[in-house]
Amino acid sequence: MELIGTLFVGLVVGAIARFAMPGEQKMGWIMTILLGIGGAFVAGFVGQSLGWYTAGQGAGWIASVIGALVLLFAVQKLRGGSGSKA
């Protein structure tokens, strides 16, 4: 049941990040879930490095969305553009 919860949180966080990022992100719902889960991991790692979270403590919703936005920005830059080429 924990896996289903993780997938749901990943989907919600990834969807919020995709909605907040300007431009078009061409990815399906599986990549959106992975984006949200990755954002939570990034936020947890940064939060532990800064002393905001203890080891084993997960990041909050806002931090996870910010982490997902950072990942989405990095992916767009690595793909070479903002998503729309006019």
PDB file of N, CA and C in Angstrom:
ATOM      1  N   MET A   1       0.822  -1.190   0.000  1.00  0.00           N
ATOM      2  CA  MET A   1       0.000   0.000   0.000  1.00  0.00           C
ATOM      3  C   MET A   1       0.868   1.257   0.000  1.00  0.00           C
ATOM      4  N   GLU A   2       2.059   1.154   0.580  1.00  0.00           N
ATOM      5  CA  GLU A   2       2.965   2.301   0.614  1.00  0.00           C
ATOM      6  C   GLU A   2       3.422   2.665  -0.799  1.00  0.00           C
ATOM      7  N   LEU A   3       3.609   1.674  -1.659  1.00  0.00           N
ATOM      8  CA  LEU A   3       4.023   1.929  -3.041  1.00  0.00           C
ATOM      9  C   LEU A   3       2.949   2.718  -3.787  1.00  0.00           C
ATOM     10  N   ILE A   4       1.706   2.364  -3.589  1.00  0.00           N
ATOM     11  CA  ILE A   4       0.610   3.084  -4.243  1.00  0.00           C
ATOM     12  C   ILE A   4       0.561   4.525  -3.751  1.00  0.00           C
ATOM     13  N   GLY A   5       0.782   4.733  -2.469  1.00  0.00           N
ATOM     14  CA  GLY A   5       0.821   6.089  -1.926  1.00  0.00           C
ATOM     15  C   GLY A   5       1.965   6.900  -2.509  1.00  0.00           C
ATOM     16  N   THR A   6       3.124   6.266  -2.658  1.00  0.00           N
ATOM     17  CA  THR A   6       4.277   6.944  -3.240  1.00  0.00           C
ATOM     18  C   THR A   6       4.001   7.334  -4.690  1.00  0.00           C
ATOM     19  N   LEU A   7       3.399   6.428  -5.445  1.00  0.00           N
ATOM     20  CA  LEU A   7       3.071   6.726  -6.840  1.00  0.00           C
ATOM     21  C   LEU A   7       2.053   7.856  -6.941  1.00  0.00           C
ATOM     22  N   PHE A   8       1.069   7.868  -6.048  1.00  0.00           N
ATOM     23  CA  PHE A   8       0.064   8.924  -6.064  1.00  0.00           C
ATOM     24  C   PHE A   8       0.688  10.277  -5.725  1.00  0.00           C
ATOM     25  N   VAL A   9       1.522  10.313  -4.690  1.00  0.00           N
ATOM     26  CA  VAL A   9       2.194  11.566  -4.316  1.00  0.00           C
ATOM     27  C   VAL A   9       3.090  12.034  -5.458  1.00  0.00           C
ATOM     28  N   GLY A  10       3.810  11.101  -6.089  1.00  0.00           N
ATOM     29  CA  GLY A  10       4.651  11.459  -7.228  1.00  0.00           C
ATOM     30  C   GLY A  10       3.853  12.051  -8.369  1.00  0.00           C
ATOM     31  N   LEU A  11       2.681  11.478  -8.638  1.00  0.00           N
ATOM     32  CA  LEU A  11       1.826  11.997  -9.700  1.00  0.00           C
ATOM     33  C   LEU A  11       1.338  13.405  -9.379  1.00  0.00           C
ATOM     34  N   VAL A  12       0.909  13.629  -8.152  1.00  0.00           N
ATOM     35  CA  VAL A  12       0.405  14.952  -7.756  1.00  0.00           C
ATOM     36  C   VAL A  12       1.527  15.989  -7.800  1.00  0.00           C
ATOM     37  N   VAL A  13       2.671  15.660  -7.217  1.00  0.00           N
ATOM     38  CA  VAL A  13       3.799  16.610  -7.192  1.00  0.00           C
ATOM     39  C   VAL A  13       4.286  16.891  -8.608  1.00  0.00           C
ATOM     40  N   GLY A  14       4.423  15.859  -9.426  1.00  0.00           N
ATOM     41  CA  GLY A  14       4.865  16.044 -10.807  1.00  0.00           C
ATOM     42  C   GLY A  14       3.879  16.869 -11.618  1.00  0.00           C
ATOM     43  N   ALA A  15       2.590  16.631 -11.421  1.00  0.00           N
ATOM     44  CA  ALA A  15       1.575  17.395 -12.144  1.00  0.00           C
ATOM     45  C   ALA A  15       1.596  18.871 -11.738  1.00  0.00           C
ATOM     46  N   ILE A  16       1.768  19.136 -10.454  1.00  0.00           N
ATOM     47  CA  ILE A  16       1.851  20.530  -9.994  1.00  0.00           C
ATOM     48  C   ILE A  16       3.075  21.206 -10.592  1.00  0.00           C
ATOM     49  N   ALA A  17       4.198  20.501 -10.620  1.00  0.00           N
ATOM     50  CA  ALA A  17       5.424  21.076 -11.185  1.00  0.00           C
ATOM     51  C   ALA A  17       5.262  21.349 -12.676  1.00  0.00           C
ATOM     52  N   ARG A  18       4.650  20.416 -13.399  1.00  0.00           N
ATOM     53  CA  ARG A  18       4.437  20.624 -14.835  1.00  0.00           C
ATOM     54  C   ARG A  18       3.489  21.784 -15.089  1.00  0.00           C
ATOM     55  N   PHE A  19       2.482  21.941 -14.245  1.00  0.00           N
ATOM     56  CA  PHE A  19       1.542  23.047 -14.387  1.00  0.00           C
ATOM     57  C   PHE A  19       2.223  24.383 -14.099  1.00  0.00           C
ATOM     58  N   ALA A  20       3.121  24.408 -13.121  1.00  0.00           N
ATOM     59  CA  ALA A  20       3.776  25.648 -12.709  1.00  0.00           C
ATOM     60  C   ALA A  20       4.877  26.077 -13.674  1.00  0.00           C
ATOM     61  N   MET A  21       5.473  25.133 -14.401  1.00  0.00           N
ATOM     62  CA  MET A  21       6.572  25.463 -15.311  1.00  0.00           C
ATOM     63  C   MET A  21       5.998  25.989 -16.625  1.00  0.00           C
ATOM     64  N   PRO A  22       6.433  27.178 -17.062  1.00  0.00           N
ATOM     65  CA  PRO A  22       5.921  27.707 -18.323  1.00  0.00           C
ATOM     66  C   PRO A  22       6.406  26.868 -19.510  1.00  0.00           C
ATOM     67  N   GLY A  23       5.634  26.871 -20.559  1.00  0.00           N
ATOM     68  CA  GLY A  23       5.988  26.116 -21.752  1.00  0.00           C
ATOM     69  C   GLY A  23       5.356  24.733 -21.726  1.00  0.00           C
ATOM     70  N   GLU A  24       5.613  23.986 -22.790  1.00  0.00           N
ATOM     71  CA  GLU A  24       5.037  22.655 -22.916  1.00  0.00           C
ATOM     72  C   GLU A  24       6.073  21.609 -22.535  1.00  0.00           C
ATOM     73  N   GLN A  25       5.679  20.688 -21.666  1.00  0.00           N
ATOM     74  CA  GLN A  25       6.536  19.580 -21.300  1.00  0.00           C
ATOM     75  C   GLN A  25       5.952  18.325 -21.928  1.00  0.00           C
ATOM     76  N   LYS A  26       6.689  17.736 -22.832  1.00  0.00           N
ATOM     77  CA  LYS A  26       6.194  16.558 -23.537  1.00  0.00           C
ATOM     78  C   LYS A  26       6.616  15.313 -22.774  1.00  0.00           C
ATOM     79  N   MET A  27       5.746  14.876 -21.873  1.00  0.00           N
ATOM     80  CA  MET A  27       5.988  13.652 -21.122  1.00  0.00           C
ATOM     81  C   MET A  27       4.653  13.072 -20.708  1.00  0.00           C
ATOM     82  N   GLY A  28       4.631  11.776 -20.580  1.00  0.00           N
ATOM     83  CA  GLY A  28       3.410  11.094 -20.187  1.00  0.00           C
ATOM     84  C   GLY A  28       3.241  11.053 -18.682  1.00  0.00           C
ATOM     85  N   TRP A  29       2.226  10.333 -18.247  1.00  0.00           N
ATOM     86  CA  TRP A  29       1.938  10.295 -16.816  1.00  0.00           C
ATOM     87  C   TRP A  29       2.969   9.488 -16.048  1.00  0.00           C
ATOM     88  N   ILE A  30       3.609   8.501 -16.665  1.00  0.00           N
ATOM     89  CA  ILE A  30       4.652   7.743 -15.960  1.00  0.00           C
ATOM     90  C   ILE A  30       5.857   8.638 -15.700  1.00  0.00           C
ATOM     91  N   MET A  31       6.245   9.424 -16.694  1.00  0.00           N
ATOM     92  CA  MET A  31       7.358  10.358 -16.489  1.00  0.00           C
ATOM     93  C   MET A  31       6.979  11.447 -15.483  1.00  0.00           C
ATOM     94  N   THR A  32       5.705  11.826 -15.448  1.00  0.00           N
ATOM     95  CA  THR A  32       5.248  12.795 -14.458  1.00  0.00           C
ATOM     96  C   THR A  32       5.387  12.228 -13.053  1.00  0.00           C
ATOM     97  N   ILE A  33       5.034  10.954 -12.875  1.00  0.00           N
ATOM     98  CA  ILE A  33       5.197  10.299 -11.574  1.00  0.00           C
ATOM     99  C   ILE A  33       6.674  10.259 -11.187  1.00  0.00           C
ATOM    100  N   LEU A  34       7.535   9.863 -12.132  1.00  0.00           N
ATOM    101  CA  LEU A  34       8.968   9.797 -11.844  1.00  0.00           C
ATOM    102  C   LEU A  34       9.539  11.176 -11.535  1.00  0.00           C
ATOM    103  N   LEU A  35       9.032  12.200 -12.215  1.00  0.00           N
ATOM    104  CA  LEU A  35       9.447  13.574 -11.930  1.00  0.00           C
ATOM    105  C   LEU A  35       9.089  13.961 -10.499  1.00  0.00           C
ATOM    106  N   GLY A  36       7.877  13.648 -10.073  1.00  0.00           N
ATOM    107  CA  GLY A  36       7.452  13.973  -8.713  1.00  0.00           C
ATOM    108  C   GLY A  36       8.249  13.216  -7.658  1.00  0.00           C
ATOM    109  N   ILE A  37       8.492  11.929  -7.889  1.00  0.00           N
ATOM    110  CA  ILE A  37       9.280  11.132  -6.943  1.00  0.00           C
ATOM    111  C   ILE A  37      10.711  11.646  -6.895  1.00  0.00           C
ATOM    112  N   GLY A  38      11.277  11.946  -8.066  1.00  0.00           N
ATOM    113  CA  GLY A  38      12.635  12.505  -8.109  1.00  0.00           C
ATOM    114  C   GLY A  38      12.719  13.847  -7.400  1.00  0.00           C
ATOM    115  N   GLY A  39      11.691  14.675  -7.568  1.00  0.00           N
ATOM    116  CA  GLY A  39      11.663  15.968  -6.884  1.00  0.00           C
ATOM    117  C   GLY A  39      11.641  15.810  -5.376  1.00  0.00           C
ATOM    118  N   ALA A  40      10.915  14.807  -4.895  1.00  0.00           N
ATOM    119  CA  ALA A  40      10.888  14.552  -3.451  1.00  0.00           C
ATOM    120  C   ALA A  40      12.244  14.096  -2.954  1.00  0.00           C
ATOM    121  N   PHE A  41      12.925  13.254  -3.736  1.00  0.00           N
ATOM    122  CA  PHE A  41      14.268  12.817  -3.351  1.00  0.00           C
ATOM    123  C   PHE A  41      15.249  13.989  -3.333  1.00  0.00           C
ATOM    124  N   VAL A  42      15.196  14.837  -4.354  1.00  0.00           N
ATOM    125  CA  VAL A  42      16.075  16.008  -4.403  1.00  0.00           C
ATOM    126  C   VAL A  42      15.813  16.914  -3.207  1.00  0.00           C
ATOM    127  N   ALA A  43      14.542  17.173  -2.924  1.00  0.00           N
ATOM    128  CA  ALA A  43      14.191  18.042  -1.795  1.00  0.00           C
ATOM    129  C   ALA A  43      14.639  17.425  -0.472  1.00  0.00           C
ATOM    130  N   GLY A  44      14.481  16.120  -0.324  1.00  0.00           N
ATOM    131  CA  GLY A  44      14.922  15.462   0.900  1.00  0.00           C
ATOM    132  C   GLY A  44      16.431  15.523   1.075  1.00  0.00           C
ATOM    133  N   PHE A  45      17.160  15.310  -0.018  1.00  0.00           N
ATOM    134  CA  PHE A  45      18.627  15.360   0.045  1.00  0.00           C
ATOM    135  C   PHE A  45      19.114  16.766   0.394  1.00  0.00           C
ATOM    136  N   VAL A  46      18.569  17.767  -0.286  1.00  0.00           N
ATOM    137  CA  VAL A  46      18.973  19.152  -0.010  1.00  0.00           C
ATOM    138  C   VAL A  46      18.566  19.550   1.407  1.00  0.00           C
ATOM    139  N   GLY A  47      17.365  19.155   1.816  1.00  0.00           N
ATOM    140  CA  GLY A  47      16.895  19.479   3.165  1.00  0.00           C
ATOM    141  C   GLY A  47      17.756  18.841   4.244  1.00  0.00           C
ATOM    142  N   GLN A  48      18.203  17.606   4.024  1.00  0.00           N
ATOM    143  CA  GLN A  48      19.093  16.962   4.994  1.00  0.00           C
ATOM    144  C   GLN A  48      20.461  17.632   5.004  1.00  0.00           C
ATOM    145  N   SER A  49      20.940  18.047   3.837  1.00  0.00           N
ATOM    146  CA  SER A  49      22.228  18.730   3.762  1.00  0.00           C
ATOM    147  C   SER A  49      22.203  20.066   4.497  1.00  0.00           C
ATOM    148  N   LEU A  50      21.070  20.744   4.452  1.00  0.00           N
ATOM    149  CA  LEU A  50      20.935  22.041   5.111  1.00  0.00           C
ATOM    150  C   LEU A  50      20.466  21.935   6.560  1.00  0.00           C
ATOM    151  N   GLY A  51      20.171  20.715   7.002  1.00  0.00           N
ATOM    152  CA  GLY A  51      19.745  20.515   8.378  1.00  0.00           C
ATOM    153  C   GLY A  51      18.264  20.721   8.615  1.00  0.00           C
ATOM    154  N   TRP A  52      17.473  20.805   7.550  1.00  0.00           N
ATOM    155  CA  TRP A  52      16.030  20.989   7.696  1.00  0.00           C
ATOM    156  C   TRP A  52      15.331  19.701   8.067  1.00  0.00           C
ATOM    157  N   TYR A  53      15.854  18.576   7.575  1.00  0.00           N
ATOM    158  CA  TYR A  53      15.264  17.265   7.828  1.00  0.00           C
ATOM    159  C   TYR A  53      16.311  16.359   8.446  1.00  0.00           C
ATOM    160  N   THR A  54      15.849  15.402   9.244  1.00  0.00           N
ATOM    161  CA  THR A  54      16.759  14.400   9.788  1.00  0.00           C
ATOM    162  C   THR A  54      16.799  13.210   8.829  1.00  0.00           C
ATOM    163  N   ALA A  55      17.753  12.323   9.032  1.00  0.00           N
ATOM    164  CA  ALA A  55      17.882  11.144   8.171  1.00  0.00           C
ATOM    165  C   ALA A  55      16.613  10.302   8.260  1.00  0.00           C
ATOM    166  N   GLY A  56      16.096   9.917   7.117  1.00  0.00           N
ATOM    167  CA  GLY A  56      14.881   9.119   7.072  1.00  0.00           C
ATOM    168  C   GLY A  56      13.595   9.925   7.044  1.00  0.00           C
ATOM    169  N   GLN A  57      13.691  11.219   7.239  1.00  0.00           N
ATOM    170  CA  GLN A  57      12.504  12.073   7.217  1.00  0.00           C
ATOM    171  C   GLN A  57      12.280  12.563   5.790  1.00  0.00           C
ATOM    172  N   GLY A  58      11.070  12.427   5.299  1.00  0.00           N
ATOM    173  CA  GLY A  58      10.754  12.850   3.936  1.00  0.00           C
ATOM    174  C   GLY A  58      10.550  14.348   3.840  1.00  0.00           C
ATOM    175  N   ALA A  59      10.683  14.846   2.632  1.00  0.00           N
ATOM    176  CA  ALA A  59      10.464  16.270   2.389  1.00  0.00           C
ATOM    177  C   ALA A  59       8.969  16.564   2.372  1.00  0.00           C
ATOM    178  N   GLY A  60       8.618  17.797   2.613  1.00  0.00           N
ATOM    179  CA  GLY A  60       7.222  18.209   2.578  1.00  0.00           C
ATOM    180  C   GLY A  60       6.737  18.418   1.150  1.00  0.00           C
ATOM    181  N   TRP A  61       5.453  18.720   1.020  1.00  0.00           N
ATOM    182  CA  TRP A  61       4.846  18.892  -0.297  1.00  0.00           C
ATOM    183  C   TRP A  61       5.472  20.045  -1.074  1.00  0.00           C
ATOM    184  N   ILE A  62       5.623  21.186  -0.422  1.00  0.00           N
ATOM    185  CA  ILE A  62       6.150  22.368  -1.120  1.00  0.00           C
ATOM    186  C   ILE A  62       7.592  22.129  -1.548  1.00  0.00           C
ATOM    187  N   ALA A  63       8.394  21.560  -0.669  1.00  0.00           N
ATOM    188  CA  ALA A  63       9.788  21.275  -1.010  1.00  0.00           C
ATOM    189  C   ALA A  63       9.862  20.259  -2.149  1.00  0.00           C
ATOM    190  N   SER A  64       8.973  19.290  -2.155  1.00  0.00           N
ATOM    191  CA  SER A  64       8.959  18.287  -3.223  1.00  0.00           C
ATOM    192  C   SER A  64       8.607  18.918  -4.565  1.00  0.00           C
ATOM    193  N   VAL A  65       7.652  19.830  -4.572  1.00  0.00           N
ATOM    194  CA  VAL A  65       7.292  20.516  -5.813  1.00  0.00           C
ATOM    195  C   VAL A  65       8.461  21.363  -6.297  1.00  0.00           C
ATOM    196  N   ILE A  66       9.135  22.045  -5.396  1.00  0.00           N
ATOM    197  CA  ILE A  66      10.301  22.851  -5.781  1.00  0.00           C
ATOM    198  C   ILE A  66      11.400  21.953  -6.341  1.00  0.00           C
ATOM    199  N   GLY A  67      11.630  20.808  -5.708  1.00  0.00           N
ATOM    200  CA  GLY A  67      12.614  19.853  -6.221  1.00  0.00           C
ATOM    201  C   GLY A  67      12.239  19.356  -7.609  1.00  0.00           C
ATOM    202  N   ALA A  68      10.947  19.092  -7.835  1.00  0.00           N
ATOM    203  CA  ALA A  68      10.485  18.643  -9.150  1.00  0.00           C
ATOM    204  C   ALA A  68      10.646  19.754 -10.192  1.00  0.00           C
ATOM    205  N   LEU A  69      10.405  20.995  -9.789  1.00  0.00           N
ATOM    206  CA  LEU A  69      10.612  22.119 -10.709  1.00  0.00           C
ATOM    207  C   LEU A  69      12.073  22.238 -11.112  1.00  0.00           C
ATOM    208  N   VAL A  70      12.971  22.043 -10.162  1.00  0.00           N
ATOM    209  CA  VAL A  70      14.409  22.085 -10.463  1.00  0.00           C
ATOM    210  C   VAL A  70      14.769  20.975 -11.448  1.00  0.00           C
ATOM    211  N   LEU A  71      14.266  19.769 -11.214  1.00  0.00           N
ATOM    212  CA  LEU A  71      14.527  18.663 -12.139  1.00  0.00           C
ATOM    213  C   LEU A  71      13.942  18.932 -13.523  1.00  0.00           C
ATOM    214  N   LEU A  72      12.733  19.454 -13.567  1.00  0.00           N
ATOM    215  CA  LEU A  72      12.091  19.743 -14.844  1.00  0.00           C
ATOM    216  C   LEU A  72      12.860  20.811 -15.612  1.00  0.00           C
ATOM    217  N   PHE A  73      13.341  21.821 -14.924  1.00  0.00           N
ATOM    218  CA  PHE A  73      14.155  22.862 -15.545  1.00  0.00           C
ATOM    219  C   PHE A  73      15.441  22.265 -16.108  1.00  0.00           C
ATOM    220  N   ALA A  74      16.087  21.391 -15.330  1.00  0.00           N
ATOM    221  CA  ALA A  74      17.331  20.764 -15.779  1.00  0.00           C
ATOM    222  C   ALA A  74      17.090  19.881 -17.003  1.00  0.00           C
ATOM    223  N   VAL A  75      16.001  19.150 -17.017  1.00  0.00           N
ATOM    224  CA  VAL A  75      15.686  18.292 -18.160  1.00  0.00           C
ATOM    225  C   VAL A  75      15.436  19.135 -19.404  1.00  0.00           C
ATOM    226  N   GLN A  76      14.730  20.238 -19.261  1.00  0.00           N
ATOM    227  CA  GLN A  76      14.470  21.107 -20.408  1.00  0.00           C
ATOM    228  C   GLN A  76      15.766  21.675 -20.964  1.00  0.00           C
ATOM    229  N   LYS A  77      16.683  22.059 -20.099  1.00  0.00           N
ATOM    230  CA  LYS A  77      17.953  22.608 -20.559  1.00  0.00           C
ATOM    231  C   LYS A  77      18.804  21.536 -21.231  1.00  0.00           C
ATOM    232  N   LEU A  78      18.765  20.308 -20.714  1.00  0.00           N
ATOM    233  CA  LEU A  78      19.533  19.229 -21.319  1.00  0.00           C
ATOM    234  C   LEU A  78      18.949  18.819 -22.670  1.00  0.00           C
ATOM    235  N   ARG A  79      17.654  18.916 -22.808  1.00  0.00           N
ATOM    236  CA  ARG A  79      17.012  18.607 -24.091  1.00  0.00           C
ATOM    237  C   ARG A  79      17.244  19.694 -25.120  1.00  0.00           C
ATOM    238  N   GLY A  80      17.664  20.864 -24.659  1.00  0.00           N
ATOM    239  CA  GLY A  80      18.012  21.939 -25.584  1.00  0.00           C
ATOM    240  C   GLY A  80      16.875  22.860 -25.936  1.00  0.00           C
ATOM    241  N   GLY A  81      16.327  23.520 -24.963  1.00  0.00           N
ATOM    242  CA  GLY A  81      15.295  24.506 -25.266  1.00  0.00           C
ATOM    243  C   GLY A  81      14.277  24.594 -24.178  1.00  0.00           C
ATOM    244  N   SER A  82      13.332  25.489 -24.400  1.00  0.00           N
ATOM    245  CA  SER A  82      12.281  25.699 -23.417  1.00  0.00           C
ATOM    246  C   SER A  82      11.037  24.895 -23.734  1.00  0.00           C
ATOM    247  N   GLY A  83      11.084  24.077 -24.755  1.00  0.00           N
ATOM    248  CA  GLY A  83       9.928  23.282 -25.106  1.00  0.00           C
ATOM    249  C   GLY A  83       9.170  23.816 -26.297  1.00  0.00           C
ATOM    250  N   SER A  84       9.234  25.115 -26.533  1.00  0.00           N
ATOM    251  CA  SER A  84       8.547  25.691 -27.692  1.00  0.00           C
ATOM    252  C   SER A  84       9.560  26.424 -28.551  1.00  0.00           C
ATOM    253  N   LYS A  85       9.626  26.029 -29.798  1.00  0.00           N
ATOM    254  CA  LYS A  85      10.587  26.652 -30.729  1.00  0.00           C
ATOM    255  C   LYS A  85       9.806  27.413 -31.784  1.00  0.00           C
ATOM    256  N   ALA A  86       9.740  28.700 -31.617  1.00  0.00           N
ATOM    257  CA  ALA A  86       8.956  29.520 -32.551  1.00  0.00           C
ATOM    258  C   ALA A  86       9.830  30.261 -33.512  1.00  0.00           C
TER     259      ALA A  86
END
